Every structure is written in structure tokens, then in C-alpha cells.
PDB file of N, CA and C in Angstrom:
ATOM      1  N   UNK A   1      21.309  -4.187  -4.783  1.00  0.00           N
ATOM      2  CA  UNK A   1      20.910  -4.157  -5.982  1.00  0.00           C
ATOM      3  C   UNK A   1      21.857  -3.865  -6.989  1.00  0.00           C
ATOM      4  N   UNK A   2      22.599  -2.828  -6.477  1.00  0.00           N
ATOM      5  CA  UNK A   2      23.501  -2.548  -7.579  1.00  0.00           C
ATOM      6  C   UNK A   2      24.569  -3.427  -7.750  1.00  0.00           C
ATOM      7  N   UNK A   3      24.950  -4.296  -6.734  1.00  0.00           N
ATOM      8  CA  UNK A   3      26.135  -5.331  -7.132  1.00  0.00           C
ATOM      9  C   UNK A   3      25.348  -6.389  -8.170  1.00  0.00           C
ATOM     10  N   UNK A   4      24.154  -6.828  -8.070  1.00  0.00           N
ATOM     11  CA  UNK A   4      23.468  -8.056  -8.557  1.00  0.00           C
ATOM     12  C   UNK A   4      22.679  -7.267  -9.560  1.00  0.00           C
ATOM     13  N   UNK A   5      22.579  -6.282  -9.791  1.00  0.00           N
ATOM     14  CA  UNK A   5      21.924  -5.732 -11.247  1.00  0.00           C
ATOM     15  C   UNK A   5      20.633  -5.808 -11.550  1.00  0.00           C
ATOM     16  N   UNK A   6      19.384  -6.084 -10.035  1.00  0.00           N
ATOM     17  CA  UNK A   6      18.069  -6.125  -9.833  1.00  0.00           C
ATOM     18  C   UNK A   6      17.665  -5.035  -9.347  1.00  0.00           C
ATOM     19  N   UNK A   7      16.664  -4.855  -9.887  1.00  0.00           N
ATOM     20  CA  UNK A   7      15.712  -3.595  -9.402  1.00  0.00           C
ATOM     21  C   UNK A   7      14.993  -4.061  -8.065  1.00  0.00           C
ATOM     22  N   UNK A   8      14.826  -3.305  -6.896  1.00  0.00           N
ATOM     23  CA  UNK A   8      14.246  -3.740  -5.662  1.00  0.00           C
ATOM     24  C   UNK A   8      13.212  -4.526  -6.023  1.00  0.00           C
ATOM     25  N   UNK A   9      12.047  -4.075  -6.921  1.00  0.00           N
ATOM     26  CA  UNK A   9      11.115  -5.083  -7.063  1.00  0.00           C
ATOM     27  C   UNK A   9      11.237  -6.740  -7.469  1.00  0.00           C
ATOM     28  N   UNK A  10      12.215  -6.619  -7.934  1.00  0.00           N
ATOM     29  CA  UNK A  10      12.721  -8.325  -8.383  1.00  0.00           C
ATOM     30  C   UNK A  10      13.543  -9.045  -7.323  1.00  0.00           C
ATOM     31  N   UNK A  11      14.020  -8.123  -6.208  1.00  0.00           N
ATOM     32  CA  UNK A  11      14.232  -8.990  -5.134  1.00  0.00           C
ATOM     33  C   UNK A  11      13.365  -9.113  -4.001  1.00  0.00           C
ATOM     34  N   UNK A  12      12.454  -8.401  -3.764  1.00  0.00           N
ATOM     35  CA  UNK A  12      11.433  -8.230  -2.908  1.00  0.00           C
ATOM     36  C   UNK A  12      10.357  -9.560  -2.593  1.00  0.00           C
ATOM     37  N   UNK A  13      10.568 -10.301  -2.035  1.00  0.00           N
ATOM     38  CA  UNK A  13       9.724 -11.763  -1.713  1.00  0.00           C
ATOM     39  C   UNK A  13      10.635 -12.748  -2.604  1.00  0.00           C
ATOM     40  N   UNK A  14      11.621 -12.508  -2.720  1.00  0.00           N
ATOM     41  CA  UNK A  14      12.526 -13.401  -3.525  1.00  0.00           C
ATOM     42  C   UNK A  14      13.316 -14.587  -2.483  1.00  0.00           C
ATOM     43  N   UNK A  15      13.561 -15.841  -2.405  1.00  0.00           N
ATOM     44  CA  UNK A  15      14.254 -16.411  -1.242  1.00  0.00           C
ATOM     45  C   UNK A  15      16.030 -16.025  -1.739  1.00  0.00           C
ATOM     46  N   UNK A  16      16.552 -15.500  -0.481  1.00  0.00           N
ATOM     47  CA  UNK A  16      17.742 -15.313  -0.968  1.00  0.00           C
ATOM     48  C   UNK A  16      18.997 -16.174  -1.527  1.00  0.00           C
ATOM     49  N   UNK A  17      18.523 -17.356  -1.481  1.00  0.00           N
ATOM     50  CA  UNK A  17      19.555 -18.287  -2.043  1.00  0.00           C
ATOM     51  C   UNK A  17      19.547 -18.374  -3.613  1.00  0.00           C
ATOM     52  N   UNK A  18      18.220 -17.606  -4.211  1.00  0.00           N
ATOM     53  CA  UNK A  18      18.421 -17.720  -5.666  1.00  0.00           C
ATOM     54  C   UNK A  18      18.968 -17.007  -6.292  1.00  0.00           C
ATOM     55  N   UNK A  19      20.176 -16.091  -5.515  1.00  0.00           N
ATOM     56  CA  UNK A  19      21.178 -15.422  -6.278  1.00  0.00           C
ATOM     57  C   UNK A  19      22.381 -15.860  -5.800  1.00  0.00           C
ATOM     58  N   UNK A  20      22.895 -17.142  -5.159  1.00  0.00           N
ATOM     59  CA  UNK A  20      23.958 -17.489  -4.330  1.00  0.00           C
ATOM     60  C   UNK A  20      23.865 -18.450  -5.598  1.00  0.00           C
ATOM     61  N   UNK A  21      25.076 -18.850  -6.037  1.00  0.00           N
ATOM     62  CA  UNK A  21      26.030 -20.066  -6.941  1.00  0.00           C
ATOM     63  C   UNK A  21      25.078 -21.199  -6.279  1.00  0.00           C
ATOM     64  N   UNK A  22      25.014 -22.160  -7.269  1.00  0.00           N
ATOM     65  CA  UNK A  22      24.222 -23.479  -6.839  1.00  0.00           C
ATOM     66  C   UNK A  22      25.152 -24.125  -5.666  1.00  0.00           C
ATOM     67  N   UNK A  23      26.773 -24.264  -6.092  1.00  0.00           N
ATOM     68  CA  UNK A  23      27.664 -24.975  -5.107  1.00  0.00           C
ATOM     69  C   UNK A  23      27.678 -24.367  -4.048  1.00  0.00           C
ATOM     70  N   UNK A  24      27.096 -23.345  -3.385  1.00  0.00           N
ATOM     71  CA  UNK A  24      27.260 -22.197  -2.544  1.00  0.00           C
ATOM     72  C   UNK A  24      25.849 -22.699  -1.476  1.00  0.00           C
ATOM     73  N   UNK A  25      24.954 -22.765  -2.126  1.00  0.00           N
ATOM     74  CA  UNK A  25      23.672 -22.823  -1.386  1.00  0.00           C
ATOM     75  C   UNK A  25      23.385 -23.784  -0.178  1.00  0.00           C
ATOM     76  N   UNK A  26      23.795 -24.944  -0.282  1.00  0.00           N
ATOM     77  CA  UNK A  26      23.639 -25.956   0.641  1.00  0.00           C
ATOM     78  C   UNK A  26      24.266 -25.501   1.947  1.00  0.00           C
ATOM     79  N   UNK A  27      25.469 -25.094   1.978  1.00  0.00           N
ATOM     80  CA  UNK A  27      26.387 -24.618   3.118  1.00  0.00           C
ATOM     81  C   UNK A  27      25.549 -23.093   3.428  1.00  0.00           C
ATOM     82  N   UNK A  28      25.437 -22.236   2.580  1.00  0.00           N
ATOM     83  CA  UNK A  28      24.800 -20.980   2.964  1.00  0.00           C
ATOM     84  C   UNK A  28      23.593 -21.266   3.828  1.00  0.00           C
ATOM     85  N   UNK A  29      22.543 -22.462   3.369  1.00  0.00           N
ATOM     86  CA  UNK A  29      21.423 -22.692   4.245  1.00  0.00           C
ATOM     87  C   UNK A  29      21.671 -23.232   5.290  1.00  0.00           C
ATOM     88  N   UNK A  30      22.894 -23.954   5.339  1.00  0.00           N
ATOM     89  CA  UNK A  30      23.034 -24.340   6.586  1.00  0.00           C
ATOM     90  C   UNK A  30      23.686 -23.527   8.159  1.00  0.00           C
ATOM     91  N   UNK A  31      24.435 -22.393   7.357  1.00  0.00           N
ATOM     92  CA  UNK A  31      24.639 -21.454   8.136  1.00  0.00           C
ATOM     93  C   UNK A  31      24.003 -20.759   8.791  1.00  0.00           C
ATOM     94  N   UNK A  32      22.673 -20.502   7.613  1.00  0.00           N
ATOM     95  CA  UNK A  32      21.532 -19.507   8.138  1.00  0.00           C
ATOM     96  C   UNK A  32      20.673 -20.418   9.365  1.00  0.00           C
ATOM     97  N   UNK A  33      20.760 -21.774   9.249  1.00  0.00           N
ATOM     98  CA  UNK A  33      20.037 -22.450  10.320  1.00  0.00           C
ATOM     99  C   UNK A  33      20.898 -22.579  11.547  1.00  0.00           C
ATOM    100  N   UNK A  34      22.327 -22.658  11.696  1.00  0.00           N
ATOM    101  CA  UNK A  34      23.051 -22.693  12.363  1.00  0.00           C
ATOM    102  C   UNK A  34      22.520 -21.108  13.444  1.00  0.00           C
ATOM    103  N   UNK A  35      22.785 -20.006  12.619  1.00  0.00           N
ATOM    104  CA  UNK A  35      22.382 -18.868  13.276  1.00  0.00           C
ATOM    105  C   UNK A  35      21.029 -18.680  14.044  1.00  0.00           C
ATOM    106  N   UNK A  36      19.941 -19.419  13.411  1.00  0.00           N
ATOM    107  CA  UNK A  36      18.770 -19.328  14.222  1.00  0.00           C
ATOM    108  C   UNK A  36      18.754 -20.000  15.236  1.00  0.00           C
ATOM    109  N   UNK A  37      19.467 -21.131  15.468  1.00  0.00           N
ATOM    110  CA  UNK A  37      19.670 -21.850  16.731  1.00  0.00           C
ATOM    111  C   UNK A  37      20.743 -21.314  17.587  1.00  0.00           C
ATOM    112  N   UNK A  38      21.544 -20.173  17.399  1.00  0.00           N
ATOM    113  CA  UNK A  38      22.094 -19.317  18.200  1.00  0.00           C
ATOM    114  C   UNK A  38      23.750 -19.911  17.939  1.00  0.00           C
ATOM    115  N   UNK A  39      23.927 -20.737  17.237  1.00  0.00           N
ATOM    116  CA  UNK A  39      25.459 -20.767  16.809  1.00  0.00           C
ATOM    117  C   UNK A  39      26.131 -20.065  16.235  1.00  0.00           C
ATOM    118  N   UNK A  40      27.297 -19.509  16.456  1.00  0.00           N
ATOM    119  CA  UNK A  40      27.695 -18.440  15.439  1.00  0.00           C
ATOM    120  C   UNK A  40      28.333 -18.702  14.229  1.00  0.00           C
ATOM    121  N   UNK A  41      28.105 -18.414  13.199  1.00  0.00           N
ATOM    122  CA  UNK A  41      28.732 -18.433  12.005  1.00  0.00           C
ATOM    123  C   UNK A  41      28.989 -17.231  11.579  1.00  0.00           C
ATOM    124  N   UNK A  42      30.069 -16.427  11.682  1.00  0.00           N
ATOM    125  CA  UNK A  42      30.087 -14.972  11.517  1.00  0.00           C
ATOM    126  C   UNK A  42      30.651 -14.590  10.313  1.00  0.00           C
ATOM    127  N   UNK A  43      31.544 -15.750   9.679  1.00  0.00           N
ATOM    128  CA  UNK A  43      32.443 -15.076   8.306  1.00  0.00           C
ATOM    129  C   UNK A  43      32.395 -16.378   7.488  1.00  0.00           C
ATOM    130  N   UNK A  44      31.814 -16.248   6.103  1.00  0.00           N
ATOM    131  CA  UNK A  44      32.150 -17.284   5.076  1.00  0.00           C
ATOM    132  C   UNK A  44      32.147 -16.713   3.878  1.00  0.00           C
ATOM    133  N   UNK A  45      32.794 -17.454   3.110  1.00  0.00           N
ATOM    134  CA  UNK A  45      32.635 -17.013   1.685  1.00  0.00           C
ATOM    135  C   UNK A  45      31.754 -17.589   0.666  1.00  0.00           C
ATOM    136  N   UNK A  46      31.152 -17.000  -0.306  1.00  0.00           N
ATOM    137  CA  UNK A  46      30.119 -17.628  -1.221  1.00  0.00           C
ATOM    138  C   UNK A  46      30.538 -16.990  -2.596  1.00  0.00           C
ATOM    139  N   UNK A  47      29.579 -17.051  -3.450  1.00  0.00           N
ATOM    140  CA  UNK A  47      29.450 -16.562  -4.602  1.00  0.00           C
ATOM    141  C   UNK A  47      28.186 -15.999  -5.115  1.00  0.00           C
ATOM    142  N   UNK A  48      27.825 -14.944  -5.490  1.00  0.00           N
ATOM    143  CA  UNK A  48      26.430 -14.598  -6.032  1.00  0.00           C
ATOM    144  C   UNK A  48      26.472 -14.590  -7.592  1.00  0.00           C
ATOM    145  N   UNK A  49      25.425 -14.730  -8.149  1.00  0.00           N
ATOM    146  CA  UNK A  49      25.282 -14.815  -9.526  1.00  0.00           C
ATOM    147  C   UNK A  49      24.287 -13.318  -9.864  1.00  0.00           C
ATOM    148  N   UNK A  50      24.807 -12.339 -10.686  1.00  0.00           N
ATOM    149  CA  UNK A  50      23.928 -11.311 -10.908  1.00  0.00           C
ATOM    150  C   UNK A  50      23.136 -11.537 -12.192  1.00  0.00           C
ATOM    151  N   UNK A  51      22.096 -10.357 -12.267  1.00  0.00           N
ATOM    152  CA  UNK A  51      21.000 -10.591 -13.424  1.00  0.00           C
ATOM    153  C   UNK A  51      21.591 -11.230 -14.560  1.00  0.00           C
ATOM    154  N   UNK A  52      22.490 -10.794 -14.877  1.00  0.00           N
ATOM    155  CA  UNK A  52      23.264 -10.820 -16.302  1.00  0.00           C
ATOM    156  C   UNK A  52      24.387 -12.073 -16.041  1.00  0.00           C
ATOM    157  N   UNK A  53      24.398 -12.753 -15.120  1.00  0.00           N
ATOM    158  CA  UNK A  53      24.710 -13.942 -14.778  1.00  0.00           C
ATOM    159  C   UNK A  53      26.687 -14.445 -14.655  1.00  0.00           C
ATOM    160  N   UNK A  54      27.128 -13.100 -14.302  1.00  0.00           N
ATOM    161  CA  UNK A  54      27.892 -13.118 -13.814  1.00  0.00           C
ATOM    162  C   UNK A  54      27.994 -13.754 -12.326  1.00  0.00           C
ATOM    163  N   UNK A  55      29.509 -14.125 -12.134  1.00  0.00           N
ATOM    164  CA  UNK A  55      29.688 -14.625 -10.725  1.00  0.00           C
ATOM    165  C   UNK A  55      30.505 -13.615 -10.175  1.00  0.00           C
ATOM    166  N   UNK A  56      30.543 -13.229  -8.758  1.00  0.00           N
ATOM    167  CA  UNK A  56      31.100 -12.080  -7.971  1.00  0.00           C
ATOM    168  C   UNK A  56      31.161 -13.096  -6.610  1.00  0.00           C
ATOM    169  N   UNK A  57      32.607 -13.241  -5.999  1.00  0.00           N
ATOM    170  CA  UNK A  57      32.557 -13.608  -4.632  1.00  0.00           C
ATOM    171  C   UNK A  57      32.919 -12.596  -3.594  1.00  0.00           C
ATOM    172  N   UNK A  58      31.931 -13.495  -2.455  1.00  0.00           N
ATOM    173  CA  UNK A  58      31.847 -12.731  -1.163  1.00  0.00           C
ATOM    174  C   UNK A  58      32.337 -13.113  -0.216  1.00  0.00           C
ATOM    175  N   UNK A  59      32.926 -12.089   0.596  1.00  0.00           N
ATOM    176  CA  UNK A  59      32.839 -12.909   2.049  1.00  0.00           C
ATOM    177  C   UNK A  59      32.185 -12.116   2.812  1.00  0.00           C
ATOM    178  N   UNK A  60      31.019 -13.095   3.482  1.00  0.00           N
ATOM    179  CA  UNK A  60      29.869 -12.494   4.245  1.00  0.00           C
ATOM    180  C   UNK A  60      30.174 -12.464   5.800  1.00  0.00           C
ATOM    181  N   UNK A  61      29.720 -11.297   6.205  1.00  0.00           N
ATOM    182  CA  UNK A  61      29.807 -11.099   7.490  1.00  0.00           C
ATOM    183  C   UNK A  61      28.493 -10.902   7.949  1.00  0.00           C
ATOM    184  N   UNK A  62      28.205 -12.096   8.991  1.00  0.00           N
ATOM    185  CA  UNK A  62      26.651 -11.747   9.403  1.00  0.00           C
ATOM    186  C   UNK A  62      26.632 -11.728  10.757  1.00  0.00           C
ATOM    187  N   UNK A  63      25.301 -11.160  11.115  1.00  0.00           N
ATOM    188  CA  UNK A  63      24.832 -11.333  12.774  1.00  0.00           C
ATOM    189  C   UNK A  63      23.634 -11.404  12.845  1.00  0.00           C
ATOM    190  N   UNK A  64      22.858 -12.170  13.915  1.00  0.00           N
ATOM    191  CA  UNK A  64      21.653 -12.314  14.411  1.00  0.00           C
ATOM    192  C   UNK A  64      20.926 -10.927  14.702  1.00  0.00           C
ATOM    193  N   UNK A  65      19.295 -10.903  13.756  1.00  0.00           N
ATOM    194  CA  UNK A  65      18.654  -9.625  14.350  1.00  0.00           C
ATOM    195  C   UNK A  65      17.788 -10.352  15.352  1.00  0.00           C
ATOM    196  N   UNK A  66      17.746 -10.030  16.297  1.00  0.00           N
ATOM    197  CA  UNK A  66      16.504 -10.138  17.232  1.00  0.00           C
ATOM    198  C   UNK A  66      15.269  -8.855  17.664  1.00  0.00           C
ATOM    199  N   UNK A  67      14.470  -9.296  18.012  1.00  0.00           N
ATOM    200  CA  UNK A  67      13.461  -8.465  18.643  1.00  0.00           C
ATOM    201  C   UNK A  67      12.907  -8.945  19.971  1.00  0.00           C
ATOM    202  N   UNK A  68      13.081  -8.288  21.177  1.00  0.00           N
ATOM    203  CA  UNK A  68      12.409  -8.826  22.032  1.00  0.00           C
ATOM    204  C   UNK A  68      12.572 -10.135  22.535  1.00  0.00           C
ATOM    205  N   UNK A  69      13.974 -10.419  22.232  1.00  0.00           N
ATOM    206  CA  UNK A  69      14.658 -12.019  22.502  1.00  0.00           C
ATOM    207  C   UNK A  69      14.243 -12.935  21.314  1.00  0.00           C
ATOM    208  N   UNK A  70      13.571 -12.655  20.534  1.00  0.00           N
ATOM    209  CA  UNK A  70      13.226 -13.484  19.363  1.00  0.00           C
ATOM    210  C   UNK A  70      13.639 -13.334  17.972  1.00  0.00           C
ATOM    211  N   UNK A  71      13.937 -14.654  17.398  1.00  0.00           N
ATOM    212  CA  UNK A  71      14.871 -14.550  15.991  1.00  0.00           C
ATOM    213  C   UNK A  71      14.136 -13.852  15.328  1.00  0.00           C
ATOM    214  N   UNK A  72      14.482 -12.779  14.425  1.00  0.00           N
ATOM    215  CA  UNK A  72      13.931 -12.075  13.319  1.00  0.00           C
ATOM    216  C   UNK A  72      14.244 -12.316  12.173  1.00  0.00           C
ATOM    217  N   UNK A  73      15.971 -12.516  11.943  1.00  0.00           N
ATOM    218  CA  UNK A  73      16.349 -13.038  10.735  1.00  0.00           C
ATOM    219  C   UNK A  73      17.921 -12.579  10.748  1.00  0.00           C
ATOM    220  N   UNK A  74      18.805 -12.587   9.852  1.00  0.00           N
ATOM    221  CA  UNK A  74      20.189 -12.558   9.667  1.00  0.00           C
ATOM    222  C   UNK A  74      20.504 -10.909   8.723  1.00  0.00           C
ATOM    223  N   UNK A  75      21.234 -10.454   9.101  1.00  0.00           N
ATOM    224  CA  UNK A  75      21.904  -9.396   8.324  1.00  0.00           C
ATOM    225  C   UNK A  75      23.283  -9.777   7.871  1.00  0.00           C
ATOM    226  N   UNK A  76      23.503  -9.705   6.862  1.00  0.00           N
ATOM    227  CA  UNK A  76      24.737 -10.316   5.888  1.00  0.00           C
ATOM    228  C   UNK A  76      25.272  -9.005   5.481  1.00  0.00           C
ATOM    229  N   UNK A  77      26.579  -8.641   5.388  1.00  0.00           N
ATOM    230  CA  UNK A  77      27.268  -7.634   4.873  1.00  0.00           C
ATOM    231  C   UNK A  77      28.270  -8.465   3.960  1.00  0.00           C
ATOM    232  N   UNK A  78      28.365  -8.210   2.811  1.00  0.00           N
ATOM    233  CA  UNK A  78      29.361  -8.955   1.648  1.00  0.00           C
ATOM    234  C   UNK A  78      30.185  -7.842   1.079  1.00  0.00           C
ATOM    235  N   UNK A  79      31.239  -7.364   1.317  1.00  0.00           N
ATOM    236  CA  UNK A  79      31.952  -6.641   0.685  1.00  0.00           C
ATOM    237  C   UNK A  79      32.623  -7.303  -0.898  1.00  0.00           C
ATOM    238  N   UNK A  80      32.549  -6.637  -1.628  1.00  0.00           N
ATOM    239  CA  UNK A  80      33.109  -7.095  -3.053  1.00  0.00           C
ATOM    240  C   UNK A  80      34.400  -6.392  -3.386  1.00  0.00           C
ATOM    241  N   UNK A  81      35.077  -7.059  -4.297  1.00  0.00           N
ATOM    242  CA  UNK A  81      36.147  -6.464  -4.562  1.00  0.00           C
ATOM    243  C   UNK A  81      35.977  -5.870  -6.251  1.00  0.00           C
ATOM    244  N   UNK A  82      34.845  -6.198  -6.453  1.00  0.00           N
ATOM    245  CA  UNK A  82      34.372  -5.482  -7.975  1.00  0.00           C
ATOM    246  C   UNK A  82      34.243  -4.090  -8.011  1.00  0.00           C
ATOM    247  N   UNK A  83      34.289  -3.585  -9.005  1.00  0.00           N
ATOM    248  CA  UNK A  83      34.882  -2.572  -9.208  1.00  0.00           C
ATOM    249  C   UNK A  83      33.808  -1.799 -10.509  1.00  0.00           C
TER     250      UNK A  83
END
């Protein structure tokens, strides 16, 4: 929230790709699908777009979240050099 400039209520229920720069969306969705079927895509680069329209490059580190052997989602950590 702090990185993107949105309030929690503005992000809840929103598709995650809406904050990803358009040229990175297709590859990001493909990486998500690969994770769903068990193919490891641990690290990749994207750019996110903040609420005020600025672009921030991120290197995402991801892992699959499972509960009782069932896919539940993906956790992504994307440290930024933004200060």
C-alpha cells in the first residue's frame, strides 16, 4: 500500500494485474499460471504503476501457497530501490 500509494480499501478485491505496467501483464499472468500447475517461476522483473502514475521496477520473489495440498494462491515479495 505504501509503495503504490493506495489505501487498503482501494486494493481489496482488485485484480493484481491492474497495478502492473501493461507490457509486463501477459508474462506476469503466465508466471502465475505456471505456479498454479507446479512449475517454479521463483524470480522475475516487472514494473508496477503507482496511484499517481509513476512506474517502479521490482524484482518479484514468489512462492506457492497451499493448504492441505491444495493451491491457495501465490505470495510475492518485491523489494524496491525506491526511497
